[in-house]
Amino acid sequence: MPLFCSSGQRGFSSAVSADPRHVRARKLEREVEVRFAAEACTVSTPEGLVHAQPGDAILTGGAGERWRVSRAKFAKKYRPVPPTRSGEDGRYASGRDRVLALQMSEPFEVLLDDGQSRLAGQSGDWLVDYGDGSLGIVARSIFAATYEVLP
């Protein structure tokens, strides 16, 4: 099973950018519920367990899916929806970040940039490269609802 590793270094990975099947996509603006971890914990996602550190954002999407975003990256990708204030638990809107994405034709794994969380994707899921040194897995149905493929 192929393993893709987040680099932690800015820029898109060659594993995704060099694959001729990759697409450029932009995240659609949508609101999510956010709570900030008070202590180290794990977050159960459909793709596996993700380790969160104090201050990391734990997000819940409209379909009940959950994921973690590090505190440092969260502030660059999400903005509070009033009356929520920045850094408080509450509702946040995603930015329209551009990504590279590759729809996978076989099961695969991703090692996240924390170096310990390992996710498993299925055939049809998307390997998403956020351009900030982190990779993720987005299920086919969630990708279709949260990203637009760019020409």
N, C-alpha and C. Protein backbone atom coordinates (compact mmCIF):
# COMPACT_ATOMS: atom_id res chain seq x y z
N MET A 1 0.85 -1.17 0.00
CA MET A 1 0.00 0.00 0.00
C MET A 1 0.89 1.24 0.00
N PRO A 2 0.67 2.17 -0.92
CA PRO A 2 1.51 3.38 -0.97
C PRO A 2 1.36 4.21 0.30
N LEU A 3 2.50 4.77 0.76
CA LEU A 3 2.52 5.65 1.91
C LEU A 3 3.03 7.01 1.45
N PHE A 4 2.27 8.07 1.77
CA PHE A 4 2.65 9.44 1.45
C PHE A 4 2.95 10.14 2.77
N CYS A 5 4.07 10.84 2.83
CA CYS A 5 4.51 11.47 4.08
C CYS A 5 4.48 12.99 3.95
N SER A 6 3.84 13.63 4.92
CA SER A 6 3.87 15.09 4.99
C SER A 6 5.30 15.51 5.29
N SER A 7 5.73 16.60 4.66
CA SER A 7 7.13 17.03 4.81
C SER A 7 7.31 18.07 5.92
N GLY A 8 6.24 18.82 6.21
CA GLY A 8 6.37 19.91 7.17
C GLY A 8 7.04 21.14 6.56
N GLN A 9 7.38 21.09 5.27
CA GLN A 9 8.06 22.20 4.58
C GLN A 9 7.10 22.84 3.57
N ARG A 10 7.11 24.16 3.50
CA ARG A 10 6.21 24.87 2.57
C ARG A 10 6.41 24.40 1.14
N GLY A 11 5.34 24.44 0.37
CA GLY A 11 5.37 24.05 -1.02
C GLY A 11 4.68 22.71 -1.23
N PHE A 12 4.34 22.46 -2.48
CA PHE A 12 3.64 21.22 -2.82
C PHE A 12 4.65 20.08 -2.96
N SER A 13 4.23 18.90 -2.56
CA SER A 13 5.11 17.73 -2.62
C SER A 13 5.23 17.24 -4.06
N SER A 14 6.37 16.70 -4.41
CA SER A 14 6.57 16.15 -5.74
C SER A 14 5.73 14.89 -5.93
N ALA A 15 5.40 14.20 -4.84
CA ALA A 15 4.58 12.99 -4.96
C ALA A 15 3.22 13.30 -5.58
N VAL A 16 2.69 14.49 -5.32
CA VAL A 16 1.40 14.88 -5.89
C VAL A 16 1.61 15.72 -7.15
N SER A 17 2.46 16.73 -7.08
CA SER A 17 2.61 17.66 -8.21
C SER A 17 3.19 17.00 -9.46
N ALA A 18 4.00 15.97 -9.30
CA ALA A 18 4.60 15.30 -10.47
C ALA A 18 3.67 14.26 -11.09
N ASP A 19 2.60 13.92 -10.41
CA ASP A 19 1.67 12.93 -10.96
C ASP A 19 0.77 13.61 -11.97
N PRO A 20 0.75 13.16 -13.22
CA PRO A 20 -0.03 13.84 -14.26
C PRO A 20 -1.55 13.80 -14.01
N ARG A 21 -2.00 12.99 -13.09
CA ARG A 21 -3.44 12.92 -12.80
C ARG A 21 -3.90 13.96 -11.79
N HIS A 22 -2.97 14.72 -11.18
CA HIS A 22 -3.37 15.67 -10.15
C HIS A 22 -4.22 16.78 -10.74
N VAL A 23 -5.05 17.37 -9.88
CA VAL A 23 -5.86 18.52 -10.26
C VAL A 23 -5.58 19.65 -9.28
N ARG A 24 -5.84 20.85 -9.75
CA ARG A 24 -5.80 22.02 -8.86
C ARG A 24 -7.23 22.24 -8.40
N ALA A 25 -7.39 22.54 -7.14
CA ALA A 25 -8.73 22.75 -6.59
C ALA A 25 -8.69 23.89 -5.59
N ARG A 26 -9.87 24.40 -5.29
CA ARG A 26 -10.00 25.48 -4.31
C ARG A 26 -11.09 25.07 -3.32
N LYS A 27 -10.81 25.27 -2.06
CA LYS A 27 -11.79 24.94 -1.03
C LYS A 27 -12.95 25.92 -1.11
N LEU A 28 -14.14 25.40 -1.01
CA LEU A 28 -15.32 26.26 -0.96
C LEU A 28 -15.46 26.81 0.45
N GLU A 29 -15.96 28.02 0.56
CA GLU A 29 -16.16 28.58 1.88
C GLU A 29 -17.33 27.84 2.54
N ARG A 30 -17.09 27.34 3.74
CA ARG A 30 -18.16 26.69 4.51
C ARG A 30 -17.87 26.88 5.98
N GLU A 31 -18.92 26.81 6.77
CA GLU A 31 -18.78 26.97 8.20
C GLU A 31 -18.64 25.62 8.89
N VAL A 32 -17.81 25.62 9.92
CA VAL A 32 -17.58 24.41 10.72
C VAL A 32 -17.63 24.79 12.19
N GLU A 33 -17.87 23.80 13.02
CA GLU A 33 -17.84 23.98 14.46
C GLU A 33 -16.42 23.66 14.94
N VAL A 34 -15.86 24.48 15.82
CA VAL A 34 -14.48 24.32 16.26
C VAL A 34 -14.41 24.36 17.78
N ARG A 35 -13.62 23.45 18.31
CA ARG A 35 -13.23 23.55 19.72
C ARG A 35 -11.72 23.39 19.75
N PHE A 36 -11.09 24.07 20.68
CA PHE A 36 -9.64 24.00 20.82
C PHE A 36 -9.30 23.02 21.93
N ALA A 37 -8.36 22.13 21.66
CA ALA A 37 -7.99 21.10 22.63
C ALA A 37 -7.35 21.75 23.85
N ALA A 38 -7.86 21.40 25.03
CA ALA A 38 -7.29 21.92 26.28
C ALA A 38 -6.08 21.09 26.71
N GLU A 39 -6.03 19.85 26.23
CA GLU A 39 -4.92 18.95 26.57
C GLU A 39 -4.69 18.01 25.40
N ALA A 40 -3.59 17.30 25.43
CA ALA A 40 -3.30 16.34 24.37
C ALA A 40 -4.42 15.30 24.33
N CYS A 41 -4.83 14.93 23.12
CA CYS A 41 -5.90 13.96 22.96
C CYS A 41 -5.80 13.34 21.57
N THR A 42 -6.69 12.41 21.28
CA THR A 42 -6.78 11.87 19.92
C THR A 42 -8.15 12.18 19.37
N VAL A 43 -8.19 12.37 18.06
CA VAL A 43 -9.43 12.66 17.34
C VAL A 43 -9.70 11.48 16.42
N SER A 44 -10.88 10.92 16.53
CA SER A 44 -11.25 9.80 15.68
C SER A 44 -11.84 10.34 14.38
N THR A 45 -11.18 10.02 13.27
CA THR A 45 -11.66 10.41 11.95
C THR A 45 -11.99 9.14 11.18
N PRO A 46 -12.74 9.23 10.09
CA PRO A 46 -13.03 8.03 9.31
C PRO A 46 -11.76 7.36 8.77
N GLU A 47 -10.66 8.13 8.66
CA GLU A 47 -9.42 7.59 8.11
C GLU A 47 -8.45 7.09 9.18
N GLY A 48 -8.75 7.35 10.45
CA GLY A 48 -7.87 6.90 11.52
C GLY A 48 -7.79 7.88 12.67
N LEU A 49 -7.00 7.53 13.67
CA LEU A 49 -6.82 8.40 14.84
C LEU A 49 -5.76 9.46 14.55
N VAL A 50 -6.06 10.69 14.97
CA VAL A 50 -5.15 11.80 14.79
C VAL A 50 -4.82 12.37 16.17
N HIS A 51 -3.54 12.60 16.43
CA HIS A 51 -3.10 13.16 17.71
C HIS A 51 -3.23 14.67 17.67
N ALA A 52 -3.81 15.23 18.73
CA ALA A 52 -3.95 16.69 18.86
C ALA A 52 -3.19 17.14 20.10
N GLN A 53 -2.57 18.29 20.00
CA GLN A 53 -1.84 18.90 21.11
C GLN A 53 -2.67 20.03 21.69
N PRO A 54 -2.38 20.46 22.92
CA PRO A 54 -3.11 21.59 23.49
C PRO A 54 -3.06 22.79 22.54
N GLY A 55 -4.23 23.38 22.32
CA GLY A 55 -4.33 24.54 21.42
C GLY A 55 -4.69 24.19 20.00
N ASP A 56 -4.53 22.92 19.59
CA ASP A 56 -4.94 22.53 18.23
C ASP A 56 -6.45 22.66 18.09
N ALA A 57 -6.89 22.96 16.89
CA ALA A 57 -8.31 23.07 16.61
C ALA A 57 -8.86 21.70 16.20
N ILE A 58 -9.99 21.35 16.78
CA ILE A 58 -10.68 20.13 16.39
C ILE A 58 -11.98 20.59 15.73
N LEU A 59 -12.10 20.28 14.45
CA LEU A 59 -13.20 20.78 13.64
C LEU A 59 -14.22 19.68 13.38
N THR A 60 -15.48 20.09 13.27
CA THR A 60 -16.56 19.19 12.91
C THR A 60 -17.31 19.81 11.74
N GLY A 61 -17.38 19.06 10.62
CA GLY A 61 -18.05 19.53 9.42
C GLY A 61 -19.53 19.20 9.43
N GLY A 62 -20.21 19.63 8.38
CA GLY A 62 -21.65 19.47 8.25
C GLY A 62 -22.12 18.03 8.23
N ALA A 63 -21.27 17.10 7.80
CA ALA A 63 -21.65 15.69 7.75
C ALA A 63 -21.20 14.97 9.03
N GLY A 64 -20.73 15.73 10.04
CA GLY A 64 -20.29 15.14 11.29
C GLY A 64 -18.85 14.67 11.26
N GLU A 65 -18.16 14.86 10.12
CA GLU A 65 -16.75 14.45 10.03
C GLU A 65 -15.90 15.36 10.91
N ARG A 66 -14.87 14.78 11.50
CA ARG A 66 -13.99 15.53 12.39
C ARG A 66 -12.56 15.43 11.90
N TRP A 67 -11.80 16.50 12.16
CA TRP A 67 -10.38 16.51 11.83
C TRP A 67 -9.69 17.55 12.70
N ARG A 68 -8.35 17.47 12.72
CA ARG A 68 -7.52 18.37 13.51
C ARG A 68 -6.75 19.30 12.60
N VAL A 69 -6.60 20.54 13.05
CA VAL A 69 -5.71 21.50 12.38
C VAL A 69 -4.85 22.11 13.48
N SER A 70 -3.54 22.13 13.27
CA SER A 70 -2.65 22.70 14.28
C SER A 70 -3.00 24.17 14.50
N ARG A 71 -2.75 24.64 15.69
CA ARG A 71 -3.08 26.04 16.05
C ARG A 71 -2.41 27.01 15.07
N ALA A 72 -1.14 26.77 14.73
CA ALA A 72 -0.41 27.67 13.83
C ALA A 72 -1.05 27.73 12.45
N LYS A 73 -1.49 26.61 11.92
CA LYS A 73 -2.09 26.59 10.58
C LYS A 73 -3.55 27.02 10.60
N PHE A 74 -4.23 26.82 11.72
CA PHE A 74 -5.65 27.14 11.80
C PHE A 74 -5.91 28.62 11.52
N ALA A 75 -5.14 29.50 12.15
CA ALA A 75 -5.35 30.94 12.02
C ALA A 75 -5.21 31.42 10.57
N LYS A 76 -4.43 30.70 9.76
CA LYS A 76 -4.23 31.08 8.36
C LYS A 76 -5.35 30.55 7.46
N LYS A 77 -6.11 29.55 7.94
CA LYS A 77 -7.08 28.88 7.09
C LYS A 77 -8.54 29.14 7.44
N TYR A 78 -8.80 29.63 8.65
CA TYR A 78 -10.18 29.82 9.11
C TYR A 78 -10.34 31.16 9.79
N ARG A 79 -11.54 31.73 9.68
CA ARG A 79 -11.83 32.99 10.37
C ARG A 79 -13.10 32.81 11.20
N PRO A 80 -13.18 33.47 12.36
CA PRO A 80 -14.36 33.31 13.22
C PRO A 80 -15.61 33.90 12.58
N VAL A 81 -16.74 33.28 12.86
CA VAL A 81 -18.04 33.78 12.44
C VAL A 81 -18.68 34.42 13.66
N PRO A 82 -18.96 35.74 13.62
CA PRO A 82 -19.54 36.40 14.79
C PRO A 82 -20.80 35.66 15.26
N PRO A 83 -20.98 35.55 16.57
CA PRO A 83 -20.29 36.28 17.63
C PRO A 83 -18.98 35.63 18.11
N THR A 84 -18.56 34.51 17.51
CA THR A 84 -17.31 33.86 17.91
C THR A 84 -16.15 34.82 17.69
N ARG A 85 -15.24 34.88 18.65
CA ARG A 85 -14.03 35.68 18.51
C ARG A 85 -12.85 34.76 18.26
N SER A 86 -11.86 35.26 17.57
CA SER A 86 -10.68 34.47 17.23
C SER A 86 -10.08 33.81 18.46
N GLY A 87 -9.83 32.50 18.34
CA GLY A 87 -9.24 31.74 19.43
C GLY A 87 -10.24 31.13 20.38
N GLU A 88 -11.52 31.48 20.24
CA GLU A 88 -12.57 30.90 21.07
C GLU A 88 -13.21 29.71 20.37
N ASP A 89 -13.75 28.78 21.14
CA ASP A 89 -14.56 27.72 20.57
C ASP A 89 -15.78 28.36 19.91
N GLY A 90 -16.24 27.78 18.82
CA GLY A 90 -17.43 28.30 18.15
C GLY A 90 -17.41 28.00 16.66
N ARG A 91 -18.11 28.85 15.89
CA ARG A 91 -18.21 28.64 14.45
C ARG A 91 -17.14 29.46 13.72
N TYR A 92 -16.54 28.80 12.71
CA TYR A 92 -15.52 29.43 11.88
C TYR A 92 -15.83 29.14 10.42
N ALA A 93 -15.38 30.02 9.54
CA ALA A 93 -15.54 29.82 8.10
C ALA A 93 -14.18 29.51 7.49
N SER A 94 -14.17 28.56 6.59
CA SER A 94 -12.92 28.19 5.92
C SER A 94 -12.58 29.22 4.85
N GLY A 95 -11.29 29.38 4.61
CA GLY A 95 -10.83 30.23 3.52
C GLY A 95 -10.92 29.47 2.21
N ARG A 96 -10.68 30.14 1.13
CA ARG A 96 -10.76 29.52 -0.20
C ARG A 96 -9.36 29.13 -0.67
N ASP A 97 -8.68 28.36 0.16
CA ASP A 97 -7.31 27.95 -0.13
C ASP A 97 -7.24 27.05 -1.36
N ARG A 98 -6.15 27.21 -2.10
CA ARG A 98 -5.91 26.36 -3.26
C ARG A 98 -5.05 25.17 -2.85
N VAL A 99 -5.37 24.03 -3.41
CA VAL A 99 -4.66 22.79 -3.10
C VAL A 99 -4.38 22.03 -4.38
N LEU A 100 -3.52 21.04 -4.28
CA LEU A 100 -3.38 20.03 -5.34
C LEU A 100 -4.03 18.77 -4.79
N ALA A 101 -4.71 18.05 -5.65
CA ALA A 101 -5.40 16.84 -5.20
C ALA A 101 -5.26 15.74 -6.24
N LEU A 102 -5.22 14.53 -5.73
CA LEU A 102 -5.03 13.36 -6.58
C LEU A 102 -6.02 12.30 -6.13
N GLN A 103 -6.96 11.95 -7.03
CA GLN A 103 -7.91 10.90 -6.67
C GLN A 103 -7.20 9.56 -6.83
N MET A 104 -7.23 8.79 -5.77
CA MET A 104 -6.47 7.54 -5.73
C MET A 104 -7.30 6.36 -6.25
N SER A 105 -6.63 5.47 -6.95
CA SER A 105 -7.31 4.30 -7.53
C SER A 105 -7.06 3.04 -6.72
N GLU A 106 -6.39 3.18 -5.58
CA GLU A 106 -6.10 2.03 -4.72
C GLU A 106 -6.01 2.54 -3.27
N PRO A 107 -6.13 1.65 -2.29
CA PRO A 107 -5.94 2.07 -0.91
C PRO A 107 -4.55 2.69 -0.71
N PHE A 108 -4.44 3.63 0.23
CA PHE A 108 -3.18 4.32 0.48
C PHE A 108 -3.16 4.83 1.91
N GLU A 109 -1.99 5.25 2.35
CA GLU A 109 -1.83 5.80 3.69
C GLU A 109 -1.12 7.15 3.63
N VAL A 110 -1.37 7.95 4.66
CA VAL A 110 -0.72 9.26 4.79
C VAL A 110 -0.20 9.39 6.22
N LEU A 111 1.08 9.75 6.33
CA LEU A 111 1.67 10.10 7.61
C LEU A 111 1.56 11.62 7.73
N LEU A 112 0.85 12.08 8.76
CA LEU A 112 0.63 13.52 8.92
C LEU A 112 1.89 14.22 9.39
N ASP A 113 1.86 15.56 9.36
CA ASP A 113 3.06 16.32 9.68
C ASP A 113 3.41 16.30 11.16
N ASP A 114 2.57 15.68 12.01
CA ASP A 114 2.96 15.52 13.40
C ASP A 114 3.92 14.33 13.57
N GLY A 115 4.11 13.56 12.51
CA GLY A 115 5.04 12.44 12.52
C GLY A 115 4.54 11.19 13.22
N GLN A 116 3.33 11.23 13.75
CA GLN A 116 2.81 10.05 14.46
C GLN A 116 1.42 9.63 14.02
N SER A 117 0.62 10.54 13.50
CA SER A 117 -0.73 10.19 13.06
C SER A 117 -0.67 9.63 11.65
N ARG A 118 -1.25 8.44 11.48
CA ARG A 118 -1.21 7.75 10.18
C ARG A 118 -2.65 7.45 9.77
N LEU A 119 -3.03 7.93 8.59
CA LEU A 119 -4.39 7.76 8.09
C LEU A 119 -4.43 6.76 6.95
N ALA A 120 -5.56 6.12 6.77
CA ALA A 120 -5.74 5.15 5.69
C ALA A 120 -6.86 5.62 4.78
N GLY A 121 -6.56 5.70 3.48
CA GLY A 121 -7.54 6.09 2.48
C GLY A 121 -7.94 4.90 1.63
N GLN A 122 -9.11 5.02 1.03
CA GLN A 122 -9.65 3.96 0.19
C GLN A 122 -9.57 4.36 -1.29
N SER A 123 -9.73 3.42 -2.15
CA SER A 123 -9.81 3.70 -3.58
C SER A 123 -10.96 4.70 -3.79
N GLY A 124 -10.70 5.76 -4.54
CA GLY A 124 -11.70 6.79 -4.77
C GLY A 124 -11.55 8.00 -3.88
N ASP A 125 -10.85 7.85 -2.74
CA ASP A 125 -10.58 9.00 -1.87
C ASP A 125 -9.53 9.89 -2.53
N TRP A 126 -9.43 11.10 -2.03
CA TRP A 126 -8.49 12.07 -2.56
C TRP A 126 -7.31 12.27 -1.61
N LEU A 127 -6.11 12.25 -2.16
CA LEU A 127 -4.90 12.66 -1.47
C LEU A 127 -4.80 14.17 -1.72
N VAL A 128 -4.85 14.96 -0.66
CA VAL A 128 -4.84 16.42 -0.80
C VAL A 128 -3.54 16.97 -0.25
N ASP A 129 -2.89 17.81 -1.07
CA ASP A 129 -1.65 18.49 -0.70
C ASP A 129 -2.00 19.96 -0.48
N TYR A 130 -1.86 20.42 0.76
CA TYR A 130 -2.29 21.77 1.13
C TYR A 130 -1.25 22.84 0.80
N GLY A 131 -0.07 22.44 0.34
CA GLY A 131 0.95 23.41 -0.05
C GLY A 131 1.72 23.99 1.10
N ASP A 132 1.44 23.51 2.31
CA ASP A 132 2.13 24.02 3.49
C ASP A 132 2.95 22.93 4.18
N GLY A 133 3.22 21.87 3.44
CA GLY A 133 3.97 20.75 4.00
C GLY A 133 3.10 19.68 4.60
N SER A 134 1.78 19.85 4.49
CA SER A 134 0.89 18.83 5.05
C SER A 134 0.04 18.19 3.96
N LEU A 135 -0.19 16.91 4.16
CA LEU A 135 -1.04 16.12 3.27
C LEU A 135 -2.24 15.64 4.07
N GLY A 136 -3.31 15.32 3.38
CA GLY A 136 -4.49 14.78 4.05
C GLY A 136 -5.25 13.87 3.13
N ILE A 137 -6.25 13.23 3.68
CA ILE A 137 -7.14 12.37 2.92
C ILE A 137 -8.54 12.96 3.03
N VAL A 138 -9.20 13.10 1.89
CA VAL A 138 -10.58 13.58 1.87
C VAL A 138 -11.41 12.55 1.11
N ALA A 139 -12.44 12.05 1.76
CA ALA A 139 -13.32 11.07 1.13
C ALA A 139 -13.96 11.67 -0.13
N ARG A 140 -14.26 10.81 -1.09
CA ARG A 140 -14.82 11.26 -2.37
C ARG A 140 -16.03 12.17 -2.18
N SER A 141 -16.99 11.76 -1.34
CA SER A 141 -18.22 12.55 -1.17
C SER A 141 -17.94 13.89 -0.51
N ILE A 142 -17.02 13.92 0.44
CA ILE A 142 -16.69 15.18 1.12
C ILE A 142 -15.90 16.09 0.19
N PHE A 143 -15.01 15.52 -0.62
CA PHE A 143 -14.25 16.34 -1.57
C PHE A 143 -15.21 17.05 -2.53
N ALA A 144 -16.19 16.32 -3.05
CA ALA A 144 -17.14 16.88 -4.02
C ALA A 144 -17.95 18.02 -3.40
N ALA A 145 -18.20 17.96 -2.08
CA ALA A 145 -19.00 18.97 -1.42
C ALA A 145 -18.19 20.14 -0.91
N THR A 146 -16.87 20.01 -0.81
CA THR A 146 -16.07 21.06 -0.18
C THR A 146 -15.00 21.67 -1.06
N TYR A 147 -14.79 21.13 -2.26
CA TYR A 147 -13.77 21.68 -3.16
C TYR A 147 -14.35 21.87 -4.55
N GLU A 148 -13.83 22.85 -5.26
CA GLU A 148 -14.14 22.99 -6.68
C GLU A 148 -12.85 22.77 -7.45
N VAL A 149 -12.92 21.92 -8.48
CA VAL A 149 -11.76 21.66 -9.31
C VAL A 149 -11.61 22.85 -10.26
N LEU A 150 -10.38 23.36 -10.36
CA LEU A 150 -10.10 24.53 -11.19
C LEU A 150 -9.62 24.09 -12.57
N PRO A 151 -9.87 24.92 -13.57
CA PRO A 151 -9.40 24.57 -14.92
C PRO A 151 -7.89 24.62 -15.03
